[in-house]
Amino acid sequence: KYIKEEQVVYRTDQRQTLWLKVKG
């Protein structure tokens, strides 16, 4: 789950922040 939704497709910021967990 990306904090900045556009980072799903575009990596324009030198910082990426997202929530992660394994499936299931």
mmCIF file of all heavy atoms, coordinates in Angstrom:
data_MODEL
# 
_entry.id   MODEL 
# 
loop_
_atom_site.group_PDB 
_atom_site.id 
_atom_site.type_symbol 
_atom_site.label_atom_id 
_atom_site.label_alt_id 
_atom_site.label_comp_id 
_atom_site.label_asym_id 
_atom_site.label_entity_id 
_atom_site.label_seq_id 
_atom_site.pdbx_PDB_ins_code 
_atom_site.Cartn_x 
_atom_site.Cartn_y 
_atom_site.Cartn_z 
_atom_site.occupancy 
_atom_site.B_iso_or_equiv 
_atom_site.pdbx_formal_charge 
_atom_site.auth_seq_id 
_atom_site.auth_comp_id 
_atom_site.auth_asym_id 
_atom_site.auth_atom_id 
_atom_site.pdbx_PDB_model_num 
ATOM 1   N N   . LYS A 1 1  ? 0.879  -1.171  0.000   1.00 0.00 ? 1  LYS A N   1 
ATOM 2   C CA  . LYS A 1 1  ? 0.000  0.000   0.000   1.00 0.00 ? 1  LYS A CA  1 
ATOM 3   C C   . LYS A 1 1  ? 0.916  1.221   0.000   1.00 0.00 ? 1  LYS A C   1 
ATOM 4   O O   . LYS A 1 1  ? 1.603  1.494   0.977   1.00 0.00 ? 1  LYS A O   1 
ATOM 5   C CB  . LYS A 1 1  ? -0.889 0.017   1.247   1.00 0.00 ? 1  LYS A CB  1 
ATOM 6   C CG  . LYS A 1 1  ? -1.831 -1.168  1.375   1.00 0.00 ? 1  LYS A CG  1 
ATOM 7   C CD  . LYS A 1 1  ? -3.142 -0.868  0.693   1.00 0.00 ? 1  LYS A CD  1 
ATOM 8   C CE  . LYS A 1 1  ? -4.159 -1.932  0.981   1.00 0.00 ? 1  LYS A CE  1 
ATOM 9   N NZ  . LYS A 1 1  ? -5.324 -1.428  1.674   1.00 0.00 ? 1  LYS A NZ  1 
ATOM 10  N N   . TYR A 1 2  ? 0.948  1.924   -1.122  1.00 0.00 ? 2  TYR A N   1 
ATOM 11  C CA  . TYR A 1 2  ? 1.827  3.082   -1.276  1.00 0.00 ? 2  TYR A CA  1 
ATOM 12  C C   . TYR A 1 2  ? 1.228  4.316   -0.613  1.00 0.00 ? 2  TYR A C   1 
ATOM 13  O O   . TYR A 1 2  ? 0.050  4.596   -0.769  1.00 0.00 ? 2  TYR A O   1 
ATOM 14  C CB  . TYR A 1 2  ? 2.050  3.394   -2.756  1.00 0.00 ? 2  TYR A CB  1 
ATOM 15  C CG  . TYR A 1 2  ? 2.889  2.377   -3.469  1.00 0.00 ? 2  TYR A CG  1 
ATOM 16  C CD1 . TYR A 1 2  ? 2.333  1.198   -3.954  1.00 0.00 ? 2  TYR A CD1 1 
ATOM 17  C CD2 . TYR A 1 2  ? 4.244  2.593   -3.662  1.00 0.00 ? 2  TYR A CD2 1 
ATOM 18  C CE1 . TYR A 1 2  ? 3.110  0.269   -4.617  1.00 0.00 ? 2  TYR A CE1 1 
ATOM 19  C CE2 . TYR A 1 2  ? 5.033  1.662   -4.332  1.00 0.00 ? 2  TYR A CE2 1 
ATOM 20  C CZ  . TYR A 1 2  ? 4.450  0.508   -4.805  1.00 0.00 ? 2  TYR A CZ  1 
ATOM 21  O OH  . TYR A 1 2  ? 5.213  -0.416  -5.466  1.00 0.00 ? 2  TYR A OH  1 
ATOM 22  N N   . ILE A 1 3  ? 2.059  5.065   0.091   1.00 0.00 ? 3  ILE A N   1 
ATOM 23  C CA  . ILE A 1 3  ? 1.620  6.327   0.686   1.00 0.00 ? 3  ILE A CA  1 
ATOM 24  C C   . ILE A 1 3  ? 1.334  7.331   -0.427  1.00 0.00 ? 3  ILE A C   1 
ATOM 25  O O   . ILE A 1 3  ? 0.322  8.020   -0.408  1.00 0.00 ? 3  ILE A O   1 
ATOM 26  C CB  . ILE A 1 3  ? 2.671  6.883   1.673   1.00 0.00 ? 3  ILE A CB  1 
ATOM 27  C CG1 . ILE A 1 3  ? 2.993  5.856   2.776   1.00 0.00 ? 3  ILE A CG1 1 
ATOM 28  C CG2 . ILE A 1 3  ? 2.208  8.218   2.259   1.00 0.00 ? 3  ILE A CG2 1 
ATOM 29  C CD1 . ILE A 1 3  ? 1.810  5.350   3.571   1.00 0.00 ? 3  ILE A CD1 1 
ATOM 30  N N   . LYS A 1 4  ? 2.212  7.408   -1.414  1.00 0.00 ? 4  LYS A N   1 
ATOM 31  C CA  . LYS A 1 4  ? 1.995  8.259   -2.593  1.00 0.00 ? 4  LYS A CA  1 
ATOM 32  C C   . LYS A 1 4  ? 1.518  7.338   -3.710  1.00 0.00 ? 4  LYS A C   1 
ATOM 33  O O   . LYS A 1 4  ? 2.300  6.593   -4.301  1.00 0.00 ? 4  LYS A O   1 
ATOM 34  C CB  . LYS A 1 4  ? 3.285  8.975   -3.003  1.00 0.00 ? 4  LYS A CB  1 
ATOM 35  C CG  . LYS A 1 4  ? 3.731  10.011  -2.010  1.00 0.00 ? 4  LYS A CG  1 
ATOM 36  C CD  . LYS A 1 4  ? 4.956  10.726  -2.514  1.00 0.00 ? 4  LYS A CD  1 
ATOM 37  C CE  . LYS A 1 4  ? 5.394  11.809  -1.561  1.00 0.00 ? 4  LYS A CE  1 
ATOM 38  N NZ  . LYS A 1 4  ? 6.597  12.496  -2.052  1.00 0.00 ? 4  LYS A NZ  1 
ATOM 39  N N   . GLU A 1 5  ? 0.251  7.414   -4.005  1.00 0.00 ? 5  GLU A N   1 
ATOM 40  C CA  . GLU A 1 5  ? -0.394 6.485   -4.932  1.00 0.00 ? 5  GLU A CA  1 
ATOM 41  C C   . GLU A 1 5  ? 0.295  6.415   -6.297  1.00 0.00 ? 5  GLU A C   1 
ATOM 42  O O   . GLU A 1 5  ? 0.393  5.346   -6.894  1.00 0.00 ? 5  GLU A O   1 
ATOM 43  C CB  . GLU A 1 5  ? -1.856 6.896   -5.091  1.00 0.00 ? 5  GLU A CB  1 
ATOM 44  C CG  . GLU A 1 5  ? -2.687 5.928   -5.871  1.00 0.00 ? 5  GLU A CG  1 
ATOM 45  C CD  . GLU A 1 5  ? -4.139 6.341   -5.924  1.00 0.00 ? 5  GLU A CD  1 
ATOM 46  O OE1 . GLU A 1 5  ? -4.445 7.548   -6.025  1.00 0.00 ? 5  GLU A OE1 1 
ATOM 47  O OE2 . GLU A 1 5  ? -4.979 5.434   -5.868  1.00 0.00 ? 5  GLU A OE2 1 
ATOM 48  N N   . GLU A 1 6  ? 0.806  7.535   -6.771  1.00 0.00 ? 6  GLU A N   1 
ATOM 49  C CA  . GLU A 1 6  ? 1.438  7.545   -8.102  1.00 0.00 ? 6  GLU A CA  1 
ATOM 50  C C   . GLU A 1 6  ? 2.687  6.670   -8.161  1.00 0.00 ? 6  GLU A C   1 
ATOM 51  O O   . GLU A 1 6  ? 3.130  6.261   -9.232  1.00 0.00 ? 6  GLU A O   1 
ATOM 52  C CB  . GLU A 1 6  ? 1.763  8.979   -8.545  1.00 0.00 ? 6  GLU A CB  1 
ATOM 53  C CG  . GLU A 1 6  ? 2.829  9.677   -7.730  1.00 0.00 ? 6  GLU A CG  1 
ATOM 54  C CD  . GLU A 1 6  ? 2.307  10.378  -6.475  1.00 0.00 ? 6  GLU A CD  1 
ATOM 55  O OE1 . GLU A 1 6  ? 1.123  10.254  -6.137  1.00 0.00 ? 6  GLU A OE1 1 
ATOM 56  O OE2 . GLU A 1 6  ? 3.126  11.062  -5.833  1.00 0.00 ? 6  GLU A OE2 1 
ATOM 57  N N   . GLN A 1 7  ? 3.271  6.341   -7.007  1.00 0.00 ? 7  GLN A N   1 
ATOM 58  C CA  . GLN A 1 7  ? 4.473  5.512   -7.008  1.00 0.00 ? 7  GLN A CA  1 
ATOM 59  C C   . GLN A 1 7  ? 4.185  4.063   -7.374  1.00 0.00 ? 7  GLN A C   1 
ATOM 60  O O   . GLN A 1 7  ? 5.110  3.291   -7.562  1.00 0.00 ? 7  GLN A O   1 
ATOM 61  C CB  . GLN A 1 7  ? 5.196  5.611   -5.666  1.00 0.00 ? 7  GLN A CB  1 
ATOM 62  C CG  . GLN A 1 7  ? 5.866  6.960   -5.475  1.00 0.00 ? 7  GLN A CG  1 
ATOM 63  C CD  . GLN A 1 7  ? 6.702  7.040   -4.222  1.00 0.00 ? 7  GLN A CD  1 
ATOM 64  O OE1 . GLN A 1 7  ? 6.480  6.326   -3.249  1.00 0.00 ? 7  GLN A OE1 1 
ATOM 65  N NE2 . GLN A 1 7  ? 7.679  7.923   -4.246  1.00 0.00 ? 7  GLN A NE2 1 
ATOM 66  N N   . VAL A 1 8  ? 2.919  3.723   -7.489  1.00 0.00 ? 8  VAL A N   1 
ATOM 67  C CA  . VAL A 1 8  ? 2.562  2.401   -8.013  1.00 0.00 ? 8  VAL A CA  1 
ATOM 68  C C   . VAL A 1 8  ? 3.127  2.254   -9.420  1.00 0.00 ? 8  VAL A C   1 
ATOM 69  O O   . VAL A 1 8  ? 3.558  1.179   -9.821  1.00 0.00 ? 8  VAL A O   1 
ATOM 70  C CB  . VAL A 1 8  ? 1.027  2.212   -8.024  1.00 0.00 ? 8  VAL A CB  1 
ATOM 71  C CG1 . VAL A 1 8  ? 0.632  0.949   -8.762  1.00 0.00 ? 8  VAL A CG1 1 
ATOM 72  C CG2 . VAL A 1 8  ? 0.483  2.207   -6.615  1.00 0.00 ? 8  VAL A CG2 1 
ATOM 73  N N   . VAL A 1 9  ? 3.176  3.366   -10.154 1.00 0.00 ? 9  VAL A N   1 
ATOM 74  C CA  . VAL A 1 9  ? 3.642  3.342   -11.542 1.00 0.00 ? 9  VAL A CA  1 
ATOM 75  C C   . VAL A 1 9  ? 4.911  4.154   -11.740 1.00 0.00 ? 9  VAL A C   1 
ATOM 76  O O   . VAL A 1 9  ? 5.819  3.738   -12.446 1.00 0.00 ? 9  VAL A O   1 
ATOM 77  C CB  . VAL A 1 9  ? 2.546  3.877   -12.495 1.00 0.00 ? 9  VAL A CB  1 
ATOM 78  C CG1 . VAL A 1 9  ? 3.031  3.858   -13.938 1.00 0.00 ? 9  VAL A CG1 1 
ATOM 79  C CG2 . VAL A 1 9  ? 1.274  3.075   -12.341 1.00 0.00 ? 9  VAL A CG2 1 
ATOM 80  N N   . TYR A 1 10 ? 4.981  5.329   -11.125 1.00 0.00 ? 10 TYR A N   1 
ATOM 81  C CA  . TYR A 1 10 ? 6.076  6.260   -11.381 1.00 0.00 ? 10 TYR A CA  1 
ATOM 82  C C   . TYR A 1 10 ? 6.963  6.436   -10.163 1.00 0.00 ? 10 TYR A C   1 
ATOM 83  O O   . TYR A 1 10 ? 6.475  6.690   -9.070  1.00 0.00 ? 10 TYR A O   1 
ATOM 84  C CB  . TYR A 1 10 ? 5.529  7.630   -11.800 1.00 0.00 ? 10 TYR A CB  1 
ATOM 85  C CG  . TYR A 1 10 ? 4.639  7.559   -13.004 1.00 0.00 ? 10 TYR A CG  1 
ATOM 86  C CD1 . TYR A 1 10 ? 3.263  7.667   -12.874 1.00 0.00 ? 10 TYR A CD1 1 
ATOM 87  C CD2 . TYR A 1 10 ? 5.179  7.350   -14.267 1.00 0.00 ? 10 TYR A CD2 1 
ATOM 88  C CE1 . TYR A 1 10 ? 2.436  7.581   -13.981 1.00 0.00 ? 10 TYR A CE1 1 
ATOM 89  C CE2 . TYR A 1 10 ? 4.355  7.268   -15.381 1.00 0.00 ? 10 TYR A CE2 1 
ATOM 90  C CZ  . TYR A 1 10 ? 2.987  7.384   -15.225 1.00 0.00 ? 10 TYR A CZ  1 
ATOM 91  O OH  . TYR A 1 10 ? 2.182  7.291   -16.318 1.00 0.00 ? 10 TYR A OH  1 
ATOM 92  N N   . ARG A 1 11 ? 8.265  6.324   -10.354 1.00 0.00 ? 11 ARG A N   1 
ATOM 93  C CA  . ARG A 1 11 ? 9.233  6.556   -9.286  1.00 0.00 ? 11 ARG A CA  1 
ATOM 94  C C   . ARG A 1 11 ? 9.909  7.896   -9.551  1.00 0.00 ? 11 ARG A C   1 
ATOM 95  O O   . ARG A 1 11 ? 10.921 7.961   -10.222 1.00 0.00 ? 11 ARG A O   1 
ATOM 96  C CB  . ARG A 1 11 ? 10.302 5.452   -9.262  1.00 0.00 ? 11 ARG A CB  1 
ATOM 97  C CG  . ARG A 1 11 ? 9.775  4.058   -9.196  1.00 0.00 ? 11 ARG A CG  1 
ATOM 98  C CD  . ARG A 1 11 ? 9.429  3.674   -7.769  1.00 0.00 ? 11 ARG A CD  1 
ATOM 99  N NE  . ARG A 1 11 ? 9.282  2.242   -7.610  1.00 0.00 ? 11 ARG A NE  1 
ATOM 100 C CZ  . ARG A 1 11 ? 8.157  1.582   -7.799  1.00 0.00 ? 11 ARG A CZ  1 
ATOM 101 N NH1 . ARG A 1 11 ? 7.091  2.205   -8.200  1.00 0.00 ? 11 ARG A NH1 1 
ATOM 102 N NH2 . ARG A 1 11 ? 8.100  0.282   -7.606  1.00 0.00 ? 11 ARG A NH2 1 
ATOM 103 N N   . THR A 1 12 ? 9.312  8.962   -9.067  1.00 0.00 ? 12 THR A N   1 
ATOM 104 C CA  . THR A 1 12 ? 9.855  10.295  -9.316  1.00 0.00 ? 12 THR A CA  1 
ATOM 105 C C   . THR A 1 12 ? 10.498 10.899  -8.079  1.00 0.00 ? 12 THR A C   1 
ATOM 106 O O   . THR A 1 12 ? 11.279 11.825  -8.176  1.00 0.00 ? 12 THR A O   1 
ATOM 107 C CB  . THR A 1 12 ? 8.748  11.246  -9.802  1.00 0.00 ? 12 THR A CB  1 
ATOM 108 O OG1 . THR A 1 12 ? 7.713  11.265  -8.822  1.00 0.00 ? 12 THR A OG1 1 
ATOM 109 C CG2 . THR A 1 12 ? 8.183  10.782  -11.132 1.00 0.00 ? 12 THR A CG2 1 
ATOM 110 N N   . ASP A 1 13 ? 10.144 10.383  -6.932  1.00 0.00 ? 13 ASP A N   1 
ATOM 111 C CA  . ASP A 1 13 ? 10.619 10.910  -5.669  1.00 0.00 ? 13 ASP A CA  1 
ATOM 112 C C   . ASP A 1 13 ? 11.776 10.038  -5.194  1.00 0.00 ? 13 ASP A C   1 
ATOM 113 O O   . ASP A 1 13 ? 11.737 8.816   -5.346  1.00 0.00 ? 13 ASP A O   1 
ATOM 114 C CB  . ASP A 1 13 ? 9.470  10.862  -4.658  1.00 0.00 ? 13 ASP A CB  1 
ATOM 115 C CG  . ASP A 1 13 ? 9.725  11.680  -3.414  1.00 0.00 ? 13 ASP A CG  1 
ATOM 116 O OD1 . ASP A 1 13 ? 10.892 12.039  -3.163  1.00 0.00 ? 13 ASP A OD1 1 
ATOM 117 O OD2 . ASP A 1 13 ? 8.761  11.946  -2.678  1.00 0.00 ? 13 ASP A OD2 1 
ATOM 118 N N   . GLN A 1 14 ? 12.800 10.631  -4.612  1.00 0.00 ? 14 GLN A N   1 
ATOM 119 C CA  . GLN A 1 14 ? 13.932 9.858   -4.114  1.00 0.00 ? 14 GLN A CA  1 
ATOM 120 C C   . GLN A 1 14 ? 13.611 9.204   -2.776  1.00 0.00 ? 14 GLN A C   1 
ATOM 121 O O   . GLN A 1 14 ? 14.501 8.690   -2.115  1.00 0.00 ? 14 GLN A O   1 
ATOM 122 C CB  . GLN A 1 14 ? 15.171 10.741  -4.023  1.00 0.00 ? 14 GLN A CB  1 
ATOM 123 C CG  . GLN A 1 14 ? 15.711 11.072  -5.397  1.00 0.00 ? 14 GLN A CG  1 
ATOM 124 C CD  . GLN A 1 14 ? 16.977 11.891  -5.354  1.00 0.00 ? 14 GLN A CD  1 
ATOM 125 O OE1 . GLN A 1 14 ? 17.087 12.832  -6.098  1.00 0.00 ? 14 GLN A OE1 1 
ATOM 126 N NE2 . GLN A 1 14 ? 17.918 11.561  -4.503  1.00 0.00 ? 14 GLN A NE2 1 
ATOM 127 N N   . ARG A 1 15 ? 12.356 9.190   -2.438  1.00 0.00 ? 15 ARG A N   1 
ATOM 128 C CA  . ARG A 1 15 ? 11.909 8.531   -1.219  1.00 0.00 ? 15 ARG A CA  1 
ATOM 129 C C   . ARG A 1 15 ? 10.652 7.730   -1.553  1.00 0.00 ? 15 ARG A C   1 
ATOM 130 O O   . ARG A 1 15 ? 9.762  8.224   -2.217  1.00 0.00 ? 15 ARG A O   1 
ATOM 131 C CB  . ARG A 1 15 ? 11.595 9.568   -0.156  1.00 0.00 ? 15 ARG A CB  1 
ATOM 132 C CG  . ARG A 1 15 ? 11.152 8.961   1.150   1.00 0.00 ? 15 ARG A CG  1 
ATOM 133 C CD  . ARG A 1 15 ? 10.948 10.043  2.182   1.00 0.00 ? 15 ARG A CD  1 
ATOM 134 N NE  . ARG A 1 15 ? 10.743 9.447   3.490   1.00 0.00 ? 15 ARG A NE  1 
ATOM 135 C CZ  . ARG A 1 15 ? 10.676 10.142  4.591   1.00 0.00 ? 15 ARG A CZ  1 
ATOM 136 N NH1 . ARG A 1 15 ? 10.795 11.458  4.556   1.00 0.00 ? 15 ARG A NH1 1 
ATOM 137 N NH2 . ARG A 1 15 ? 10.489 9.530   5.743   1.00 0.00 ? 15 ARG A NH2 1 
ATOM 138 N N   . GLN A 1 16 ? 10.628 6.507   -1.082  1.00 0.00 ? 16 GLN A N   1 
ATOM 139 C CA  . GLN A 1 16 ? 9.445  5.672   -1.234  1.00 0.00 ? 16 GLN A CA  1 
ATOM 140 C C   . GLN A 1 16 ? 9.000  5.215   0.152   1.00 0.00 ? 16 GLN A C   1 
ATOM 141 O O   . GLN A 1 16 ? 9.815  4.725   0.929   1.00 0.00 ? 16 GLN A O   1 
ATOM 142 C CB  . GLN A 1 16 ? 9.743  4.453   -2.101  1.00 0.00 ? 16 GLN A CB  1 
ATOM 143 C CG  . GLN A 1 16 ? 10.001 4.810   -3.548  1.00 0.00 ? 16 GLN A CG  1 
ATOM 144 C CD  . GLN A 1 16 ? 10.076 3.573   -4.397  1.00 0.00 ? 16 GLN A CD  1 
ATOM 145 O OE1 . GLN A 1 16 ? 9.062  3.006   -4.760  1.00 0.00 ? 16 GLN A OE1 1 
ATOM 146 N NE2 . GLN A 1 16 ? 11.288 3.154   -4.707  1.00 0.00 ? 16 GLN A NE2 1 
ATOM 147 N N   . THR A 1 17 ? 7.735  5.392   0.424   1.00 0.00 ? 17 THR A N   1 
ATOM 148 C CA  . THR A 1 17 ? 7.166  4.977   1.700   1.00 0.00 ? 17 THR A CA  1 
ATOM 149 C C   . THR A 1 17 ? 5.928  4.152   1.396   1.00 0.00 ? 17 THR A C   1 
ATOM 150 O O   . THR A 1 17 ? 5.043  4.608   0.679   1.00 0.00 ? 17 THR A O   1 
ATOM 151 C CB  . THR A 1 17 ? 6.796  6.197   2.558   1.00 0.00 ? 17 THR A CB  1 
ATOM 152 O OG1 . THR A 1 17 ? 7.933  7.060   2.675   1.00 0.00 ? 17 THR A OG1 1 
ATOM 153 C CG2 . THR A 1 17 ? 6.353  5.776   3.944   1.00 0.00 ? 17 THR A CG2 1 
ATOM 154 N N   . LEU A 1 18 ? 5.902  2.953   1.918   1.00 0.00 ? 18 LEU A N   1 
ATOM 155 C CA  . LEU A 1 18 ? 4.767  2.085   1.698   1.00 0.00 ? 18 LEU A CA  1 
ATOM 156 C C   . LEU A 1 18 ? 4.619  1.088   2.831   1.00 0.00 ? 18 LEU A C   1 
ATOM 157 O O   . LEU A 1 18 ? 5.565  0.843   3.587   1.00 0.00 ? 18 LEU A O   1 
ATOM 158 C CB  . LEU A 1 18 ? 4.882  1.355   0.359   1.00 0.00 ? 18 LEU A CB  1 
ATOM 159 C CG  . LEU A 1 18 ? 6.087  0.461   0.118   1.00 0.00 ? 18 LEU A CG  1 
ATOM 160 C CD1 . LEU A 1 18 ? 5.698  -0.650  -0.831  1.00 0.00 ? 18 LEU A CD1 1 
ATOM 161 C CD2 . LEU A 1 18 ? 7.227  1.248   -0.497  1.00 0.00 ? 18 LEU A CD2 1 
ATOM 162 N N   . TRP A 1 19 ? 3.420  0.557   2.953   1.00 0.00 ? 19 TRP A N   1 
ATOM 163 C CA  . TRP A 1 19 ? 3.157  -0.509  3.898   1.00 0.00 ? 19 TRP A CA  1 
ATOM 164 C C   . TRP A 1 19 ? 3.350  -1.833  3.168   1.00 0.00 ? 19 TRP A C   1 
ATOM 165 O O   . TRP A 1 19 ? 2.965  -1.965  2.009   1.00 0.00 ? 19 TRP A O   1 
ATOM 166 C CB  . TRP A 1 19 ? 1.713  -0.421  4.406   1.00 0.00 ? 19 TRP A CB  1 
ATOM 167 C CG  . TRP A 1 19 ? 1.450  0.749   5.300   1.00 0.00 ? 19 TRP A CG  1 
ATOM 168 C CD1 . TRP A 1 19 ? 0.922  1.956   4.944   1.00 0.00 ? 19 TRP A CD1 1 
ATOM 169 C CD2 . TRP A 1 19 ? 1.679  0.811   6.708   1.00 0.00 ? 19 TRP A CD2 1 
ATOM 170 N NE1 . TRP A 1 19 ? 0.820  2.774   6.053   1.00 0.00 ? 19 TRP A NE1 1 
ATOM 171 C CE2 . TRP A 1 19 ? 1.275  2.087   7.142   1.00 0.00 ? 19 TRP A CE2 1 
ATOM 172 C CE3 . TRP A 1 19 ? 2.192  -0.080  7.646   1.00 0.00 ? 19 TRP A CE3 1 
ATOM 173 C CZ2 . TRP A 1 19 ? 1.361  2.489   8.477   1.00 0.00 ? 19 TRP A CZ2 1 
ATOM 174 C CZ3 . TRP A 1 19 ? 2.273  0.315   8.974   1.00 0.00 ? 19 TRP A CZ3 1 
ATOM 175 C CH2 . TRP A 1 19 ? 1.866  1.585   9.367   1.00 0.00 ? 19 TRP A CH2 1 
ATOM 176 N N   . LEU A 1 20 ? 3.938  -2.806  3.850   1.00 0.00 ? 20 LEU A N   1 
ATOM 177 C CA  . LEU A 1 20 ? 4.211  -4.119  3.258   1.00 0.00 ? 20 LEU A CA  1 
ATOM 178 C C   . LEU A 1 20 ? 3.815  -5.237  4.207   1.00 0.00 ? 20 LEU A C   1 
ATOM 179 O O   . LEU A 1 20 ? 3.905  -5.092  5.424   1.00 0.00 ? 20 LEU A O   1 
ATOM 180 C CB  . LEU A 1 20 ? 5.718  -4.291  3.003   1.00 0.00 ? 20 LEU A CB  1 
ATOM 181 C CG  . LEU A 1 20 ? 6.440  -3.399  2.030   1.00 0.00 ? 20 LEU A CG  1 
ATOM 182 C CD1 . LEU A 1 20 ? 7.944  -3.662  2.113   1.00 0.00 ? 20 LEU A CD1 1 
ATOM 183 C CD2 . LEU A 1 20 ? 5.956  -3.640  0.633   1.00 0.00 ? 20 LEU A CD2 1 
ATOM 184 N N   . LYS A 1 21 ? 3.426  -6.356  3.619   1.00 0.00 ? 21 LYS A N   1 
ATOM 185 C CA  . LYS A 1 21 ? 3.286  -7.611  4.353   1.00 0.00 ? 21 LYS A CA  1 
ATOM 186 C C   . LYS A 1 21 ? 3.189  -8.727  3.331   1.00 0.00 ? 21 LYS A C   1 
ATOM 187 O O   . LYS A 1 21 ? 2.886  -8.482  2.158   1.00 0.00 ? 21 LYS A O   1 
ATOM 188 C CB  . LYS A 1 21 ? 2.066  -7.608  5.277   1.00 0.00 ? 21 LYS A CB  1 
ATOM 189 C CG  . LYS A 1 21 ? 0.728  -7.632  4.579   1.00 0.00 ? 21 LYS A CG  1 
ATOM 190 C CD  . LYS A 1 21 ? -0.392 -7.713  5.601   1.00 0.00 ? 21 LYS A CD  1 
ATOM 191 C CE  . LYS A 1 21 ? -1.743 -7.776  4.913   1.00 0.00 ? 21 LYS A CE  1 
ATOM 192 N NZ  . LYS A 1 21 ? -2.817 -8.006  5.877   1.00 0.00 ? 21 LYS A NZ  1 
ATOM 193 N N   . VAL A 1 22 ? 3.487  -9.945  3.742   1.00 0.00 ? 22 VAL A N   1 
ATOM 194 C CA  . VAL A 1 22 ? 3.361  -11.067 2.815   1.00 0.00 ? 22 VAL A CA  1 
ATOM 195 C C   . VAL A 1 22 ? 1.880  -11.329 2.571   1.00 0.00 ? 22 VAL A C   1 
ATOM 196 O O   . VAL A 1 22 ? 1.029  -11.019 3.407   1.00 0.00 ? 22 VAL A O   1 
ATOM 197 C CB  . VAL A 1 22 ? 4.064  -12.352 3.318   1.00 0.00 ? 22 VAL A CB  1 
ATOM 198 C CG1 . VAL A 1 22 ? 5.554  -12.138 3.454   1.00 0.00 ? 22 VAL A CG1 1 
ATOM 199 C CG2 . VAL A 1 22 ? 3.451  -12.855 4.598   1.00 0.00 ? 22 VAL A CG2 1 
ATOM 200 N N   . LYS A 1 23 ? 1.581  -11.899 1.401   1.00 0.00 ? 23 LYS A N   1 
ATOM 201 C CA  . LYS A 1 23 ? 0.207  -12.271 1.108   1.00 0.00 ? 23 LYS A CA  1 
ATOM 202 C C   . LYS A 1 23 ? -0.186 -13.445 1.992   1.00 0.00 ? 23 LYS A C   1 
ATOM 203 O O   . LYS A 1 23 ? 0.584  -14.373 2.179   1.00 0.00 ? 23 LYS A O   1 
ATOM 204 C CB  . LYS A 1 23 ? 0.057  -12.659 -0.357  1.00 0.00 ? 23 LYS A CB  1 
ATOM 205 C CG  . LYS A 1 23 ? 0.113  -11.493 -1.308  1.00 0.00 ? 23 LYS A CG  1 
ATOM 206 C CD  . LYS A 1 23 ? -0.075 -11.932 -2.739  1.00 0.00 ? 23 LYS A CD  1 
ATOM 207 C CE  . LYS A 1 23 ? -0.020 -10.727 -3.676  1.00 0.00 ? 23 LYS A CE  1 
ATOM 208 N NZ  . LYS A 1 23 ? -0.049 -11.118 -5.084  1.00 0.00 ? 23 LYS A NZ  1 
ATOM 209 N N   . GLY A 1 24 ? -1.368 -13.391 2.519   1.00 0.00 ? 24 GLY A N   1 
ATOM 210 C CA  . GLY A 1 24 ? -1.871 -14.490 3.326   1.00 0.00 ? 24 GLY A CA  1 
ATOM 211 C C   . GLY A 1 24 ? -1.343 -14.466 4.745   1.00 0.00 ? 24 GLY A C   1 
ATOM 212 O O   . GLY A 1 24 ? -0.838 -13.460 5.237   1.00 0.00 ? 24 GLY A O   1 
# 
